[in-house]
């Protein structure tokens, strides 16, 4: 590998690490029951906080409370997954610029050229 390619790889690694750190510092908030249950989860998939309105706690219907907590958690997790999709997608550079086979771009070649008629016949044998 030449120095330019190594520099680009190092830059890519730095961009990905920075994007990952930014994602992990973001916080998603999931709510359920009109805000009766609120959950905050970081981009690193850690539950940061949970708040439950005392009015929603009914000892005779714990199933409803459990459903509300699950709904809030799932909403927040969906947001965290979106953070990862957005953040990492934007941090991924065009790999074709590295000139590696199969990655497109100058020297990368992308897909192999189509076979001519003689080559197709030979490959069928």
N, C-alpha and C. Protein backbone atom coordinates (compact mmCIF):
# COMPACT_ATOMS: atom_id res chain seq x y z
N UNK A 1 0.85 -1.18 0.00
CA UNK A 1 0.00 0.00 0.00
C UNK A 1 0.89 1.24 0.00
N UNK A 2 0.44 2.23 -0.72
CA UNK A 2 1.22 3.46 -0.73
C UNK A 2 0.81 4.36 0.44
N UNK A 3 1.61 5.39 0.68
CA UNK A 3 1.38 6.29 1.81
C UNK A 3 0.03 7.00 1.71
N UNK A 4 -0.37 7.38 0.50
CA UNK A 4 -1.64 8.08 0.31
C UNK A 4 -2.80 7.20 0.74
N UNK A 5 -2.75 5.93 0.37
CA UNK A 5 -3.82 5.00 0.72
C UNK A 5 -3.84 4.78 2.24
N UNK A 6 -2.68 4.66 2.86
CA UNK A 6 -2.63 4.49 4.31
C UNK A 6 -3.19 5.70 5.03
N UNK A 7 -2.89 6.88 4.50
CA UNK A 7 -3.42 8.12 5.08
C UNK A 7 -4.94 8.14 4.98
N UNK A 8 -5.48 7.76 3.82
CA UNK A 8 -6.93 7.73 3.66
C UNK A 8 -7.58 6.72 4.59
N UNK A 9 -6.95 5.56 4.76
CA UNK A 9 -7.49 4.56 5.68
C UNK A 9 -7.48 5.08 7.12
N UNK A 10 -6.40 5.76 7.51
CA UNK A 10 -6.32 6.32 8.86
C UNK A 10 -7.39 7.40 9.05
N UNK A 11 -7.60 8.23 8.02
CA UNK A 11 -8.63 9.26 8.09
C UNK A 11 -10.02 8.63 8.24
N UNK A 12 -10.26 7.55 7.47
CA UNK A 12 -11.54 6.84 7.56
C UNK A 12 -11.76 6.30 8.97
N UNK A 13 -10.74 5.70 9.53
CA UNK A 13 -10.84 5.13 10.87
C UNK A 13 -11.16 6.23 11.88
N UNK A 14 -10.51 7.37 11.73
CA UNK A 14 -10.75 8.50 12.63
C UNK A 14 -12.19 9.01 12.49
N UNK A 15 -12.69 9.11 11.25
CA UNK A 15 -14.07 9.56 11.01
C UNK A 15 -15.07 8.60 11.63
N UNK A 16 -14.83 7.31 11.47
CA UNK A 16 -15.74 6.30 12.03
C UNK A 16 -15.74 6.35 13.56
N UNK A 17 -14.57 6.51 14.16
CA UNK A 17 -14.49 6.59 15.62
C UNK A 17 -15.22 7.82 16.13
N UNK A 18 -15.05 8.94 15.43
CA UNK A 18 -15.73 10.18 15.83
C UNK A 18 -17.24 10.03 15.69
N UNK A 19 -17.69 9.44 14.60
CA UNK A 19 -19.13 9.22 14.40
C UNK A 19 -19.69 8.32 15.49
N UNK A 20 -18.97 7.26 15.83
CA UNK A 20 -19.43 6.34 16.87
C UNK A 20 -19.54 7.06 18.21
N UNK A 21 -18.57 7.88 18.54
CA UNK A 21 -18.60 8.62 19.80
C UNK A 21 -19.78 9.58 19.84
N UNK A 22 -20.03 10.28 18.73
CA UNK A 22 -21.16 11.20 18.66
C UNK A 22 -22.49 10.45 18.83
N UNK A 23 -22.60 9.29 18.21
CA UNK A 23 -23.82 8.49 18.32
C UNK A 23 -24.03 8.05 19.77
N UNK A 24 -22.97 7.59 20.42
CA UNK A 24 -23.10 7.09 21.78
C UNK A 24 -23.47 8.19 22.76
N UNK A 25 -23.18 9.45 22.43
CA UNK A 25 -23.52 10.57 23.31
C UNK A 25 -24.94 11.09 23.09
N UNK A 26 -25.58 10.66 22.02
CA UNK A 26 -26.96 11.08 21.77
C UNK A 26 -27.91 10.33 22.69
N UNK A 27 -29.07 10.93 22.94
CA UNK A 27 -30.07 10.31 23.81
C UNK A 27 -31.40 10.25 23.09
N UNK A 28 -32.00 9.08 23.09
CA UNK A 28 -33.32 8.88 22.51
C UNK A 28 -34.33 8.83 23.65
N UNK A 29 -35.52 9.38 23.38
CA UNK A 29 -36.55 9.39 24.41
C UNK A 29 -37.77 8.68 23.86
N UNK A 30 -38.20 7.66 24.57
CA UNK A 30 -39.41 6.94 24.21
C UNK A 30 -40.48 7.21 25.25
N UNK A 31 -41.72 7.39 24.78
CA UNK A 31 -42.83 7.62 25.69
C UNK A 31 -43.99 6.70 25.36
N UNK A 32 -44.84 6.48 26.34
CA UNK A 32 -46.04 5.67 26.13
C UNK A 32 -47.11 6.17 27.09
N UNK A 33 -48.36 5.86 26.74
CA UNK A 33 -49.47 6.25 27.60
C UNK A 33 -49.59 7.76 27.72
N UNK A 34 -49.36 8.47 26.60
CA UNK A 34 -49.48 9.92 26.62
C UNK A 34 -48.44 10.59 27.52
N UNK A 35 -47.29 9.96 27.67
CA UNK A 35 -46.22 10.52 28.49
C UNK A 35 -46.22 9.98 29.91
N UNK A 36 -47.11 9.03 30.21
CA UNK A 36 -47.16 8.45 31.55
C UNK A 36 -45.87 7.67 31.86
N UNK A 37 -45.26 7.13 30.81
CA UNK A 37 -43.98 6.43 30.97
C UNK A 37 -42.99 7.05 29.99
N UNK A 38 -41.83 7.43 30.50
CA UNK A 38 -40.77 8.00 29.67
C UNK A 38 -39.47 7.24 29.93
N UNK A 39 -38.79 6.89 28.84
CA UNK A 39 -37.51 6.18 28.92
C UNK A 39 -36.50 6.95 28.09
N UNK A 40 -35.29 7.11 28.60
CA UNK A 40 -34.20 7.69 27.84
C UNK A 40 -33.09 6.65 27.70
N UNK A 41 -32.67 6.45 26.45
CA UNK A 41 -31.62 5.47 26.16
C UNK A 41 -30.55 6.16 25.33
N UNK A 42 -29.29 5.93 25.69
CA UNK A 42 -28.19 6.55 24.95
C UNK A 42 -27.95 5.80 23.64
N UNK A 43 -27.20 6.43 22.76
CA UNK A 43 -26.81 5.80 21.51
C UNK A 43 -25.95 4.57 21.73
N UNK A 44 -25.44 4.40 22.93
CA UNK A 44 -24.67 3.22 23.29
C UNK A 44 -25.55 2.12 23.89
N UNK A 45 -26.86 2.27 23.73
CA UNK A 45 -27.85 1.29 24.19
C UNK A 45 -27.86 1.12 25.71
N UNK A 46 -27.65 2.22 26.44
CA UNK A 46 -27.73 2.18 27.90
C UNK A 46 -28.96 2.99 28.33
N UNK A 47 -29.78 2.39 29.20
CA UNK A 47 -30.93 3.11 29.73
C UNK A 47 -30.40 4.17 30.68
N UNK A 48 -30.72 5.42 30.36
CA UNK A 48 -30.20 6.53 31.14
C UNK A 48 -31.19 6.93 32.24
N UNK A 49 -32.49 6.91 31.91
CA UNK A 49 -33.49 7.25 32.91
C UNK A 49 -34.84 6.64 32.55
N UNK A 50 -35.68 6.52 33.59
CA UNK A 50 -37.05 6.05 33.39
C UNK A 50 -37.92 6.80 34.39
N UNK A 51 -39.03 7.33 33.88
CA UNK A 51 -39.98 8.03 34.74
C UNK A 51 -41.36 7.42 34.53
N UNK A 52 -42.04 7.16 35.63
CA UNK A 52 -43.39 6.59 35.57
C UNK A 52 -44.30 7.49 36.39
N UNK A 53 -45.35 7.97 35.76
CA UNK A 53 -46.34 8.79 36.44
C UNK A 53 -47.05 7.91 37.47
N UNK A 54 -47.08 8.32 38.74
CA UNK A 54 -47.72 7.50 39.78
C UNK A 54 -49.20 7.18 39.49
N UNK A 55 -49.86 8.04 38.73
CA UNK A 55 -51.27 7.80 38.43
C UNK A 55 -51.48 6.57 37.55
N UNK A 56 -50.43 6.13 36.83
CA UNK A 56 -50.58 4.99 35.92
C UNK A 56 -50.30 3.66 36.65
N UNK A 57 -49.84 3.75 37.88
CA UNK A 57 -49.53 2.53 38.64
C UNK A 57 -50.80 2.03 39.33
N UNK A 58 -51.27 0.89 38.85
CA UNK A 58 -52.44 0.23 39.42
C UNK A 58 -52.01 -1.18 39.83
N UNK A 59 -51.92 -1.43 41.14
CA UNK A 59 -51.46 -2.75 41.58
C UNK A 59 -52.31 -3.91 41.04
N UNK A 60 -53.54 -3.62 40.69
CA UNK A 60 -54.41 -4.67 40.15
C UNK A 60 -54.23 -4.87 38.65
N UNK A 61 -53.45 -3.99 38.00
CA UNK A 61 -53.25 -4.11 36.55
C UNK A 61 -51.79 -3.82 36.20
N UNK A 62 -50.90 -4.62 36.74
CA UNK A 62 -49.47 -4.44 36.47
C UNK A 62 -49.15 -4.73 35.00
N UNK A 63 -49.96 -5.55 34.35
CA UNK A 63 -49.75 -5.86 32.93
C UNK A 63 -49.79 -4.60 32.07
N UNK A 64 -50.70 -3.67 32.39
CA UNK A 64 -50.78 -2.43 31.61
C UNK A 64 -49.49 -1.62 31.77
N UNK A 65 -49.00 -1.52 32.99
CA UNK A 65 -47.76 -0.78 33.25
C UNK A 65 -46.59 -1.42 32.52
N UNK A 66 -46.52 -2.74 32.57
CA UNK A 66 -45.46 -3.45 31.87
C UNK A 66 -45.52 -3.18 30.37
N UNK A 67 -46.72 -3.18 29.81
CA UNK A 67 -46.89 -2.89 28.38
C UNK A 67 -46.44 -1.48 28.04
N UNK A 68 -46.76 -0.52 28.91
CA UNK A 68 -46.35 0.86 28.67
C UNK A 68 -44.83 1.00 28.71
N UNK A 69 -44.20 0.34 29.66
CA UNK A 69 -42.72 0.39 29.76
C UNK A 69 -42.10 -0.22 28.51
N UNK A 70 -42.61 -1.38 28.10
CA UNK A 70 -42.08 -2.01 26.89
C UNK A 70 -42.25 -1.12 25.66
N UNK A 71 -43.41 -0.50 25.53
CA UNK A 71 -43.65 0.37 24.38
C UNK A 71 -42.68 1.56 24.37
N UNK A 72 -42.45 2.15 25.53
CA UNK A 72 -41.52 3.28 25.62
C UNK A 72 -40.09 2.85 25.30
N UNK A 73 -39.69 1.70 25.83
CA UNK A 73 -38.34 1.19 25.56
C UNK A 73 -38.17 0.93 24.07
N UNK A 74 -39.13 0.26 23.47
CA UNK A 74 -39.02 -0.05 22.04
C UNK A 74 -39.00 1.20 21.17
N UNK A 75 -39.77 2.22 21.55
CA UNK A 75 -39.73 3.48 20.79
C UNK A 75 -38.35 4.11 20.87
N UNK A 76 -37.78 4.15 22.07
CA UNK A 76 -36.45 4.73 22.24
C UNK A 76 -35.39 3.92 21.49
N UNK A 77 -35.49 2.60 21.53
CA UNK A 77 -34.52 1.76 20.83
C UNK A 77 -34.60 1.97 19.32
N UNK A 78 -35.79 2.17 18.80
CA UNK A 78 -35.94 2.46 17.37
C UNK A 78 -35.20 3.74 17.01
N UNK A 79 -35.30 4.73 17.88
CA UNK A 79 -34.59 5.99 17.64
C UNK A 79 -33.08 5.78 17.68
N UNK A 80 -32.60 4.99 18.62
CA UNK A 80 -31.17 4.71 18.72
C UNK A 80 -30.68 4.00 17.46
N UNK A 81 -31.47 3.03 16.97
CA UNK A 81 -31.09 2.35 15.73
C UNK A 81 -31.01 3.34 14.57
N UNK A 82 -31.92 4.31 14.54
CA UNK A 82 -31.87 5.34 13.50
C UNK A 82 -30.61 6.20 13.65
N UNK A 83 -30.21 6.50 14.90
CA UNK A 83 -28.97 7.24 15.12
C UNK A 83 -27.81 6.52 14.45
N UNK A 84 -27.75 5.20 14.68
CA UNK A 84 -26.65 4.41 14.13
C UNK A 84 -26.70 4.38 12.60
N UNK A 85 -27.87 4.21 12.05
CA UNK A 85 -27.99 4.16 10.59
C UNK A 85 -27.60 5.49 9.96
N UNK A 86 -28.06 6.58 10.55
CA UNK A 86 -27.74 7.91 10.02
C UNK A 86 -26.27 8.25 10.23
N UNK A 87 -25.81 8.07 11.44
CA UNK A 87 -24.45 8.48 11.80
C UNK A 87 -23.38 7.69 11.09
N UNK A 88 -23.53 6.40 11.04
CA UNK A 88 -22.49 5.59 10.40
C UNK A 88 -22.58 5.67 8.89
N UNK A 89 -23.79 5.84 8.37
CA UNK A 89 -23.93 5.98 6.93
C UNK A 89 -23.25 7.24 6.43
N UNK A 90 -23.38 8.32 7.19
CA UNK A 90 -22.74 9.57 6.81
C UNK A 90 -21.24 9.56 7.01
N UNK A 91 -20.77 8.69 7.89
CA UNK A 91 -19.33 8.64 8.17
C UNK A 91 -18.59 7.73 7.20
N UNK A 92 -19.33 6.92 6.46
CA UNK A 92 -18.69 5.98 5.54
C UNK A 92 -18.27 6.73 4.27
N UNK A 93 -17.00 6.80 4.01
CA UNK A 93 -16.53 7.47 2.81
C UNK A 93 -16.74 6.60 1.57
N UNK A 94 -16.50 7.19 0.42
CA UNK A 94 -16.56 6.44 -0.84
C UNK A 94 -15.33 5.56 -0.91
N UNK A 95 -15.52 4.27 -0.73
CA UNK A 95 -14.38 3.34 -0.72
C UNK A 95 -13.76 3.16 -2.09
N UNK A 96 -14.47 3.55 -3.13
CA UNK A 96 -13.93 3.42 -4.47
C UNK A 96 -12.67 4.23 -4.67
N UNK A 97 -12.52 5.29 -3.89
CA UNK A 97 -11.35 6.13 -4.00
C UNK A 97 -10.07 5.47 -3.54
N UNK A 98 -10.18 4.32 -2.90
CA UNK A 98 -8.98 3.63 -2.43
C UNK A 98 -8.29 2.85 -3.54
N UNK A 99 -8.99 2.64 -4.64
CA UNK A 99 -8.38 1.93 -5.76
C UNK A 99 -8.26 0.44 -5.53
N UNK A 100 -9.06 -0.10 -4.64
CA UNK A 100 -9.01 -1.53 -4.38
C UNK A 100 -9.99 -2.27 -5.28
N UNK A 101 -9.62 -3.43 -5.77
CA UNK A 101 -10.51 -4.18 -6.65
C UNK A 101 -11.85 -4.46 -6.00
N UNK A 102 -12.91 -4.30 -6.78
CA UNK A 102 -14.26 -4.60 -6.31
C UNK A 102 -14.94 -3.47 -5.59
N UNK A 103 -14.25 -2.36 -5.34
CA UNK A 103 -14.84 -1.24 -4.62
C UNK A 103 -15.19 -0.07 -5.53
N UNK A 104 -15.05 -0.23 -6.81
CA UNK A 104 -15.39 0.85 -7.73
C UNK A 104 -14.34 1.95 -7.68
N UNK A 105 -14.60 3.02 -8.39
CA UNK A 105 -13.68 4.15 -8.38
C UNK A 105 -12.48 3.88 -9.26
N UNK A 106 -11.57 4.88 -9.38
CA UNK A 106 -10.40 4.75 -10.24
C UNK A 106 -9.51 3.60 -9.77
N UNK A 107 -9.24 2.70 -10.65
CA UNK A 107 -8.36 1.58 -10.32
C UNK A 107 -9.07 0.48 -9.57
N UNK A 108 -10.26 0.79 -9.04
CA UNK A 108 -10.98 -0.20 -8.25
C UNK A 108 -11.69 -1.20 -9.12
N UNK A 109 -12.06 -0.77 -10.28
CA UNK A 109 -12.65 -1.68 -11.24
C UNK A 109 -14.13 -1.92 -11.05
N UNK A 110 -14.64 -1.91 -9.84
CA UNK A 110 -16.05 -2.21 -9.62
C UNK A 110 -16.37 -3.61 -10.10
N UNK A 111 -17.44 -3.75 -10.85
CA UNK A 111 -17.82 -5.06 -11.37
C UNK A 111 -16.89 -5.43 -12.51
N UNK A 112 -16.63 -6.72 -12.69
CA UNK A 112 -15.76 -7.13 -13.79
C UNK A 112 -16.44 -6.83 -15.12
N UNK A 113 -15.65 -6.63 -16.17
CA UNK A 113 -16.25 -6.34 -17.47
C UNK A 113 -17.05 -7.55 -17.94
N UNK A 114 -18.08 -7.33 -18.76
CA UNK A 114 -18.86 -8.46 -19.26
C UNK A 114 -18.00 -9.35 -20.14
N UNK A 115 -18.30 -10.64 -20.12
CA UNK A 115 -17.56 -11.58 -20.94
C UNK A 115 -17.97 -11.44 -22.40
N UNK A 116 -16.99 -11.57 -23.30
CA UNK A 116 -17.35 -11.57 -24.72
C UNK A 116 -17.91 -12.94 -25.07
N UNK A 117 -18.39 -13.08 -26.28
CA UNK A 117 -19.05 -14.32 -26.69
C UNK A 117 -18.16 -15.55 -26.54
N UNK A 118 -16.91 -15.44 -26.92
CA UNK A 118 -15.97 -16.57 -26.85
C UNK A 118 -15.74 -16.96 -25.37
N UNK A 119 -15.60 -15.97 -24.51
CA UNK A 119 -15.37 -16.26 -23.11
C UNK A 119 -16.60 -16.90 -22.45
N UNK A 120 -17.79 -16.45 -22.85
CA UNK A 120 -19.01 -17.06 -22.31
C UNK A 120 -19.12 -18.52 -22.71
N UNK A 121 -18.80 -18.81 -23.97
CA UNK A 121 -18.85 -20.22 -24.43
C UNK A 121 -17.86 -21.06 -23.68
N UNK A 122 -16.65 -20.51 -23.45
CA UNK A 122 -15.61 -21.27 -22.76
C UNK A 122 -16.02 -21.52 -21.30
N UNK A 123 -16.70 -20.55 -20.68
CA UNK A 123 -17.07 -20.72 -19.28
C UNK A 123 -18.21 -21.72 -19.12
N UNK A 124 -18.97 -21.99 -20.17
CA UNK A 124 -20.07 -22.95 -20.10
C UNK A 124 -19.57 -24.39 -20.22
N UNK A 125 -18.36 -24.56 -20.66
CA UNK A 125 -17.83 -25.93 -20.87
C UNK A 125 -17.39 -26.57 -19.61
